[in-house]
Amino acid sequence: MTTSVIGSAAPASERGDMSVEEVLALPLAISVATAARAFKIGPDKAYRLIEEGRFPAKLIPLGDTTKVATASAWEALGLH
């Protein structure tokens, strides 16, 4: 059984969520979609939070794309 980042009755793998182990194995910068998955929100909500300036992790603008600092996501999730 895989441990979920935020508690739930069903295993993380059955819900499509990321386990703590998966989150801690992420590279230094991740896509907004991956960060959204770790935060258990959809990508649309993640982009909305970014537009509102309320996304819970540090953003890294890279040309036409935006990445999320993994260490900042860990901190927001209480993992670091």
PDB file of N, CA and C in Angstrom:
ATOM      1  N   MET A   1       0.841  -1.177   0.000  1.00  0.00           N
ATOM      2  CA  MET A   1       0.000   0.000   0.000  1.00  0.00           C
ATOM      3  C   MET A   1       0.884   1.236   0.000  1.00  0.00           C
ATOM      4  N   THR A   2       0.551   2.228  -0.816  1.00  0.00           N
ATOM      5  CA  THR A   2       1.313   3.452  -0.920  1.00  0.00           C
ATOM      6  C   THR A   2       0.689   4.511  -0.014  1.00  0.00           C
ATOM      7  N   THR A   3       1.511   5.241   0.684  1.00  0.00           N
ATOM      8  CA  THR A   3       1.023   6.283   1.583  1.00  0.00           C
ATOM      9  C   THR A   3       0.719   7.536   0.788  1.00  0.00           C
ATOM     10  N   SER A   4      -0.437   8.135   1.032  1.00  0.00           N
ATOM     11  CA  SER A   4      -0.780   9.363   0.328  1.00  0.00           C
ATOM     12  C   SER A   4      -0.177  10.562   1.036  1.00  0.00           C
ATOM     13  N   VAL A   5      -0.027  11.667   0.286  1.00  0.00           N
ATOM     14  CA  VAL A   5       0.514  12.888   0.861  1.00  0.00           C
ATOM     15  C   VAL A   5      -0.463  13.456   1.878  1.00  0.00           C
ATOM     16  N   ILE A   6      -1.722  13.454   1.533  1.00  0.00           N
ATOM     17  CA  ILE A   6      -2.762  13.928   2.440  1.00  0.00           C
ATOM     18  C   ILE A   6      -3.698  12.754   2.657  1.00  0.00           C
ATOM     19  N   GLY A   7      -3.978  12.427   3.910  1.00  0.00           N
ATOM     20  CA  GLY A   7      -4.701  11.205   4.257  1.00  0.00           C
ATOM     21  C   GLY A   7      -6.024  10.986   3.545  1.00  0.00           C
ATOM     22  N   SER A   8      -6.307   9.732   3.241  1.00  0.00           N
ATOM     23  CA  SER A   8      -7.558   9.304   2.643  1.00  0.00           C
ATOM     24  C   SER A   8      -7.667   7.801   2.847  1.00  0.00           C
ATOM     25  N   ALA A   9      -8.881   7.290   2.778  1.00  0.00           N
ATOM     26  CA  ALA A   9      -9.095   5.868   3.004  1.00  0.00           C
ATOM     27  C   ALA A   9      -8.500   5.012   1.891  1.00  0.00           C
ATOM     28  N   ALA A  10      -8.600   5.457   0.642  1.00  0.00           N
ATOM     29  CA  ALA A  10      -8.097   4.681  -0.487  1.00  0.00           C
ATOM     30  C   ALA A  10      -6.605   4.952  -0.684  1.00  0.00           C
ATOM     31  N   PRO A  11      -5.849   3.931  -1.123  1.00  0.00           N
ATOM     32  CA  PRO A  11      -4.428   4.142  -1.400  1.00  0.00           C
ATOM     33  C   PRO A  11      -4.218   5.208  -2.463  1.00  0.00           C
ATOM     34  N   ALA A  12      -3.113   5.921  -2.369  1.00  0.00           N
ATOM     35  CA  ALA A  12      -2.815   7.001  -3.305  1.00  0.00           C
ATOM     36  C   ALA A  12      -2.840   6.524  -4.748  1.00  0.00           C
ATOM     37  N   SER A  13      -2.285   5.336  -4.995  1.00  0.00           N
ATOM     38  CA  SER A  13      -2.207   4.837  -6.363  1.00  0.00           C
ATOM     39  C   SER A  13      -3.591   4.618  -6.973  1.00  0.00           C
ATOM     40  N   GLU A  14      -4.579   4.296  -6.173  1.00  0.00           N
ATOM     41  CA  GLU A  14      -5.933   4.086  -6.679  1.00  0.00           C
ATOM     42  C   GLU A  14      -6.623   5.404  -7.032  1.00  0.00           C
ATOM     43  N   ARG A  15      -6.204   6.506  -6.402  1.00  0.00           N
ATOM     44  CA  ARG A  15      -6.828   7.802  -6.655  1.00  0.00           C
ATOM     45  C   ARG A  15      -6.072   8.600  -7.703  1.00  0.00           C
ATOM     46  N   GLY A  16      -4.880   8.154  -8.103  1.00  0.00           N
ATOM     47  CA  GLY A  16      -4.054   8.912  -9.040  1.00  0.00           C
ATOM     48  C   GLY A  16      -3.244   9.990  -8.353  1.00  0.00           C
ATOM     49  N   ASP A  17      -3.267  10.036  -7.013  1.00  0.00           N
ATOM     50  CA  ASP A  17      -2.484  11.004  -6.257  1.00  0.00           C
ATOM     51  C   ASP A  17      -1.037  10.534  -6.195  1.00  0.00           C
ATOM     52  N   MET A  18      -0.167  11.426  -5.745  1.00  0.00           N
ATOM     53  CA  MET A  18       1.235  11.068  -5.575  1.00  0.00           C
ATOM     54  C   MET A  18       1.474  10.632  -4.141  1.00  0.00           C
ATOM     55  N   SER A  19       2.270   9.605  -3.982  1.00  0.00           N
ATOM     56  CA  SER A  19       2.664   9.167  -2.641  1.00  0.00           C
ATOM     57  C   SER A  19       3.763  10.090  -2.126  1.00  0.00           C
ATOM     58  N   VAL A  20       4.009  10.034  -0.836  1.00  0.00           N
ATOM     59  CA  VAL A  20       5.099  10.806  -0.246  1.00  0.00           C
ATOM     60  C   VAL A  20       6.413  10.421  -0.918  1.00  0.00           C
ATOM     61  N   GLU A  21       6.608   9.145  -1.151  1.00  0.00           N
ATOM     62  CA  GLU A  21       7.834   8.673  -1.788  1.00  0.00           C
ATOM     63  C   GLU A  21       7.993   9.269  -3.187  1.00  0.00           C
ATOM     64  N   GLU A  22       6.904   9.318  -3.956  1.00  0.00           N
ATOM     65  CA  GLU A  22       6.960   9.891  -5.303  1.00  0.00           C
ATOM     66  C   GLU A  22       7.282  11.381  -5.251  1.00  0.00           C
ATOM     67  N   VAL A  23       6.669  12.092  -4.323  1.00  0.00           N
ATOM     68  CA  VAL A  23       6.908  13.533  -4.201  1.00  0.00           C
ATOM     69  C   VAL A  23       8.369  13.800  -3.840  1.00  0.00           C
ATOM     70  N   LEU A  24       8.911  13.030  -2.909  1.00  0.00           N
ATOM     71  CA  LEU A  24      10.297  13.239  -2.484  1.00  0.00           C
ATOM     72  C   LEU A  24      11.316  12.848  -3.554  1.00  0.00           C
ATOM     73  N   ALA A  25      10.908  12.069  -4.549  1.00  0.00           N
ATOM     74  CA  ALA A  25      11.806  11.651  -5.630  1.00  0.00           C
ATOM     75  C   ALA A  25      11.757  12.579  -6.846  1.00  0.00           C
ATOM     76  N   LEU A  26      10.992  13.650  -6.775  1.00  0.00           N
ATOM     77  CA  LEU A  26      10.858  14.559  -7.917  1.00  0.00           C
ATOM     78  C   LEU A  26      12.158  15.320  -8.183  1.00  0.00           C
ATOM     79  N   PRO A  27      12.381  15.748  -9.450  1.00  0.00           N
ATOM     80  CA  PRO A  27      13.567  16.542  -9.773  1.00  0.00           C
ATOM     81  C   PRO A  27      13.477  17.947  -9.153  1.00  0.00           C
ATOM     82  N   LEU A  28      14.508  18.751  -9.324  1.00  0.00           N
ATOM     83  CA  LEU A  28      14.586  20.083  -8.701  1.00  0.00           C
ATOM     84  C   LEU A  28      13.451  21.017  -9.103  1.00  0.00           C
ATOM     85  N   ALA A  29      13.006  20.927 -10.339  1.00  0.00           N
ATOM     86  CA  ALA A  29      11.893  21.750 -10.817  1.00  0.00           C
ATOM     87  C   ALA A  29      10.899  20.843 -11.523  1.00  0.00           C
ATOM     88  N   ILE A  30       9.621  21.116 -11.301  1.00  0.00           N
ATOM     89  CA  ILE A  30       8.565  20.273 -11.870  1.00  0.00           C
ATOM     90  C   ILE A  30       7.546  21.127 -12.600  1.00  0.00           C
ATOM     91  N   SER A  31       6.763  20.489 -13.444  1.00  0.00           N
ATOM     92  CA  SER A  31       5.724  21.206 -14.172  1.00  0.00           C
ATOM     93  C   SER A  31       4.599  21.608 -13.220  1.00  0.00           C
ATOM     94  N   VAL A  32       3.829  22.574 -13.644  1.00  0.00           N
ATOM     95  CA  VAL A  32       2.667  22.993 -12.854  1.00  0.00           C
ATOM     96  C   VAL A  32       1.701  21.820 -12.714  1.00  0.00           C
ATOM     97  N   ALA A  33       1.531  21.022 -13.770  1.00  0.00           N
ATOM     98  CA  ALA A  33       0.622  19.871 -13.712  1.00  0.00           C
ATOM     99  C   ALA A  33       1.079  18.848 -12.673  1.00  0.00           C
ATOM    100  N   THR A  34       2.388  18.603 -12.594  1.00  0.00           N
ATOM    101  CA  THR A  34       2.912  17.664 -11.598  1.00  0.00           C
ATOM    102  C   THR A  34       2.726  18.216 -10.193  1.00  0.00           C
ATOM    103  N   ALA A  35       3.010  19.496 -10.017  1.00  0.00           N
ATOM    104  CA  ALA A  35       2.804  20.128  -8.712  1.00  0.00           C
ATOM    105  C   ALA A  35       1.333  20.069  -8.316  1.00  0.00           C
ATOM    106  N   ALA A  36       0.449  20.315  -9.272  1.00  0.00           N
ATOM    107  CA  ALA A  36      -0.986  20.247  -8.986  1.00  0.00           C
ATOM    108  C   ALA A  36      -1.352  18.855  -8.491  1.00  0.00           C
ATOM    109  N   ARG A  37      -0.806  17.847  -9.130  1.00  0.00           N
ATOM    110  CA  ARG A  37      -1.074  16.469  -8.712  1.00  0.00           C
ATOM    111  C   ARG A  37      -0.590  16.224  -7.280  1.00  0.00           C
ATOM    112  N   ALA A  38       0.596  16.743  -6.945  1.00  0.00           N
ATOM    113  CA  ALA A  38       1.124  16.593  -5.590  1.00  0.00           C
ATOM    114  C   ALA A  38       0.238  17.309  -4.570  1.00  0.00           C
ATOM    115  N   PHE A  39      -0.322  18.456  -4.965  1.00  0.00           N
ATOM    116  CA  PHE A  39      -1.210  19.218  -4.079  1.00  0.00           C
ATOM    117  C   PHE A  39      -2.653  18.713  -4.114  1.00  0.00           C
ATOM    118  N   LYS A  40      -2.892  17.710  -4.953  1.00  0.00           N
ATOM    119  CA  LYS A  40      -4.226  17.111  -5.092  1.00  0.00           C
ATOM    120  C   LYS A  40      -5.269  18.110  -5.572  1.00  0.00           C
ATOM    121  N   ILE A  41      -4.845  18.903  -6.554  1.00  0.00           N
ATOM    122  CA  ILE A  41      -5.764  19.809  -7.233  1.00  0.00           C
ATOM    123  C   ILE A  41      -5.581  19.591  -8.725  1.00  0.00           C
ATOM    124  N   GLY A  42      -6.510  20.054  -9.506  1.00  0.00           N
ATOM    125  CA  GLY A  42      -6.400  19.931 -10.949  1.00  0.00           C
ATOM    126  C   GLY A  42      -5.502  21.015 -11.524  1.00  0.00           C
ATOM    127  N   PRO A  43      -4.987  20.800 -12.733  1.00  0.00           N
ATOM    128  CA  PRO A  43      -4.122  21.804 -13.347  1.00  0.00           C
ATOM    129  C   PRO A  43      -4.837  23.131 -13.586  1.00  0.00           C
ATOM    130  N   ASP A  44      -6.125  23.093 -13.908  1.00  0.00           N
ATOM    131  CA  ASP A  44      -6.859  24.350 -14.112  1.00  0.00           C
ATOM    132  C   ASP A  44      -6.867  25.183 -12.839  1.00  0.00           C
ATOM    133  N   LYS A  45      -7.115  24.538 -11.710  1.00  0.00           N
ATOM    134  CA  LYS A  45      -7.105  25.256 -10.425  1.00  0.00           C
ATOM    135  C   LYS A  45      -5.702  25.772 -10.123  1.00  0.00           C
ATOM    136  N   ALA A  46      -4.676  24.983 -10.428  1.00  0.00           N
ATOM    137  CA  ALA A  46      -3.300  25.425 -10.189  1.00  0.00           C
ATOM    138  C   ALA A  46      -2.998  26.692 -10.978  1.00  0.00           C
ATOM    139  N   TYR A  47      -3.355  26.699 -12.258  1.00  0.00           N
ATOM    140  CA  TYR A  47      -3.103  27.889 -13.073  1.00  0.00           C
ATOM    141  C   TYR A  47      -3.926  29.075 -12.596  1.00  0.00           C
ATOM    142  N   ARG A  48      -5.128  28.826 -12.120  1.00  0.00           N
ATOM    143  CA  ARG A  48      -5.948  29.903 -11.556  1.00  0.00           C
ATOM    144  C   ARG A  48      -5.272  30.497 -10.310  1.00  0.00           C
ATOM    145  N   LEU A  49      -4.748  29.629  -9.438  1.00  0.00           N
ATOM    146  CA  LEU A  49      -4.047  30.104  -8.248  1.00  0.00           C
ATOM    147  C   LEU A  49      -2.799  30.901  -8.631  1.00  0.00           C
ATOM    148  N   ILE A  50      -2.105  30.474  -9.677  1.00  0.00           N
ATOM    149  CA  ILE A  50      -0.931  31.206 -10.157  1.00  0.00           C
ATOM    150  C   ILE A  50      -1.351  32.594 -10.626  1.00  0.00           C
ATOM    151  N   GLU A  51      -2.404  32.660 -11.422  1.00  0.00           N
ATOM    152  CA  GLU A  51      -2.900  33.948 -11.916  1.00  0.00           C
ATOM    153  C   GLU A  51      -3.312  34.872 -10.775  1.00  0.00           C
ATOM    154  N   GLU A  52      -3.844  34.296  -9.706  1.00  0.00           N
ATOM    155  CA  GLU A  52      -4.283  35.075  -8.545  1.00  0.00           C
ATOM    156  C   GLU A  52      -3.139  35.380  -7.585  1.00  0.00           C
ATOM    157  N   GLY A  53      -1.942  34.839  -7.857  1.00  0.00           N
ATOM    158  CA  GLY A  53      -0.806  35.047  -6.975  1.00  0.00           C
ATOM    159  C   GLY A  53      -0.905  34.275  -5.674  1.00  0.00           C
ATOM    160  N   ARG A  54      -1.678  33.168  -5.683  1.00  0.00           N
ATOM    161  CA  ARG A  54      -1.918  32.402  -4.460  1.00  0.00           C
ATOM    162  C   ARG A  54      -1.394  30.965  -4.523  1.00  0.00           C
ATOM    163  N   PHE A  55      -0.585  30.642  -5.528  1.00  0.00           N
ATOM    164  CA  PHE A  55      -0.052  29.282  -5.617  1.00  0.00           C
ATOM    165  C   PHE A  55       0.879  29.059  -4.435  1.00  0.00           C
ATOM    166  N   PRO A  56       0.809  27.906  -3.761  1.00  0.00           N
ATOM    167  CA  PRO A  56       1.536  27.712  -2.505  1.00  0.00           C
ATOM    168  C   PRO A  56       3.028  27.411  -2.613  1.00  0.00           C
ATOM    169  N   ALA A  57       3.589  27.403  -3.817  1.00  0.00           N
ATOM    170  CA  ALA A  57       5.008  27.096  -3.969  1.00  0.00           C
ATOM    171  C   ALA A  57       5.659  28.115  -4.900  1.00  0.00           C
ATOM    172  N   LYS A  58       6.993  28.207  -4.824  1.00  0.00           N
ATOM    173  CA  LYS A  58       7.751  29.152  -5.639  1.00  0.00           C
ATOM    174  C   LYS A  58       7.698  28.754  -7.112  1.00  0.00           C
ATOM    175  N   LEU A  59       7.453  29.742  -7.946  1.00  0.00           N
ATOM    176  CA  LEU A  59       7.375  29.525  -9.392  1.00  0.00           C
ATOM    177  C   LEU A  59       8.670  29.964 -10.058  1.00  0.00           C
ATOM    178  N   ILE A  60       9.038  29.249 -11.121  1.00  0.00           N
ATOM    179  CA  ILE A  60      10.243  29.552 -11.883  1.00  0.00           C
ATOM    180  C   ILE A  60       9.822  29.802 -13.330  1.00  0.00           C
ATOM    181  N   PRO A  61       9.785  31.071 -13.763  1.00  0.00           N
ATOM    182  CA  PRO A  61       9.431  31.345 -15.160  1.00  0.00           C
ATOM    183  C   PRO A  61      10.597  30.985 -16.082  1.00  0.00           C
ATOM    184  N   LEU A  62      10.304  30.217 -17.120  1.00  0.00           N
ATOM    185  CA  LEU A  62      11.309  29.797 -18.089  1.00  0.00           C
ATOM    186  C   LEU A  62      10.753  30.026 -19.489  1.00  0.00           C
ATOM    187  N   GLY A  63      10.982  31.197 -20.020  1.00  0.00           N
ATOM    188  CA  GLY A  63      10.453  31.512 -21.343  1.00  0.00           C
ATOM    189  C   GLY A  63       8.933  31.474 -21.345  1.00  0.00           C
ATOM    190  N   ASP A  64       8.368  30.624 -22.205  1.00  0.00           N
ATOM    191  CA  ASP A  64       6.915  30.515 -22.317  1.00  0.00           C
ATOM    192  C   ASP A  64       6.300  29.551 -21.316  1.00  0.00           C
ATOM    193  N   THR A  65       7.118  28.940 -20.479  1.00  0.00           N
ATOM    194  CA  THR A  65       6.607  27.957 -19.532  1.00  0.00           C
ATOM    195  C   THR A  65       6.925  28.388 -18.104  1.00  0.00           C
ATOM    196  N   THR A  66       6.266  27.756 -17.178  1.00  0.00           N
ATOM    197  CA  THR A  66       6.508  28.003 -15.755  1.00  0.00           C
ATOM    198  C   THR A  66       6.751  26.670 -15.072  1.00  0.00           C
ATOM    199  N   LYS A  67       7.783  26.607 -14.280  1.00  0.00           N
ATOM    200  CA  LYS A  67       8.076  25.422 -13.473  1.00  0.00           C
ATOM    201  C   LYS A  67       7.858  25.766 -12.010  1.00  0.00           C
ATOM    202  N   VAL A  68       7.797  24.739 -11.186  1.00  0.00           N
ATOM    203  CA  VAL A  68       7.611  24.904  -9.749  1.00  0.00           C
ATOM    204  C   VAL A  68       8.856  24.356  -9.059  1.00  0.00           C
ATOM    205  N   ALA A  69       9.401  25.116  -8.110  1.00  0.00           N
ATOM    206  CA  ALA A  69      10.556  24.664  -7.337  1.00  0.00           C
ATOM    207  C   ALA A  69      10.111  23.528  -6.424  1.00  0.00           C
ATOM    208  N   THR A  70      10.698  22.360  -6.621  1.00  0.00           N
ATOM    209  CA  THR A  70      10.287  21.171  -5.879  1.00  0.00           C
ATOM    210  C   THR A  70      10.453  21.343  -4.377  1.00  0.00           C
ATOM    211  N   ALA A  71      11.573  21.910  -3.930  1.00  0.00           N
ATOM    212  CA  ALA A  71      11.796  22.096  -2.496  1.00  0.00           C
ATOM    213  C   ALA A  71      10.710  22.976  -1.887  1.00  0.00           C
ATOM    214  N   SER A  72      10.251  23.963  -2.639  1.00  0.00           N
ATOM    215  CA  SER A  72       9.185  24.840  -2.169  1.00  0.00           C
ATOM    216  C   SER A  72       7.863  24.066  -2.066  1.00  0.00           C
ATOM    217  N   ALA A  73       7.629  23.183  -3.021  1.00  0.00           N
ATOM    218  CA  ALA A  73       6.416  22.343  -2.957  1.00  0.00           C
ATOM    219  C   ALA A  73       6.490  21.415  -1.761  1.00  0.00           C
ATOM    220  N   TRP A  74       7.673  20.818  -1.506  1.00  0.00           N
ATOM    221  CA  TRP A  74       7.829  19.955  -0.330  1.00  0.00           C
ATOM    222  C   TRP A  74       7.493  20.735   0.933  1.00  0.00           C
ATOM    223  N   GLU A  75       8.008  21.953   1.026  1.00  0.00           N
ATOM    224  CA  GLU A  75       7.760  22.771   2.211  1.00  0.00           C
ATOM    225  C   GLU A  75       6.268  23.061   2.382  1.00  0.00           C
ATOM    226  N   ALA A  76       5.607  23.420   1.285  1.00  0.00           N
ATOM    227  CA  ALA A  76       4.171  23.708   1.345  1.00  0.00           C
ATOM    228  C   ALA A  76       3.370  22.476   1.740  1.00  0.00           C
ATOM    229  N   LEU A  77       3.880  21.299   1.395  1.00  0.00           N
ATOM    230  CA  LEU A  77       3.206  20.045   1.758  1.00  0.00           C
ATOM    231  C   LEU A  77       3.615  19.543   3.147  1.00  0.00           C
ATOM    232  N   GLY A  78       4.518  20.259   3.795  1.00  0.00           N
ATOM    233  CA  GLY A  78       4.979  19.860   5.119  1.00  0.00           C
ATOM    234  C   GLY A  78       5.929  18.684   5.095  1.00  0.00           C
ATOM    235  N   LEU A  79       6.655  18.504   3.985  1.00  0.00           N
ATOM    236  CA  LEU A  79       7.554  17.358   3.831  1.00  0.00           C
ATOM    237  C   LEU A  79       9.018  17.725   3.990  1.00  0.00           C
ATOM    238  N   HIS A  80       9.333  18.989   4.140  1.00  0.00           N
ATOM    239  CA  HIS A  80      10.753  19.385   4.197  1.00  0.00           C
ATOM    240  C   HIS A  80      10.974  20.377   5.287  1.00  0.00           C
TER     241      HIS A  80
END
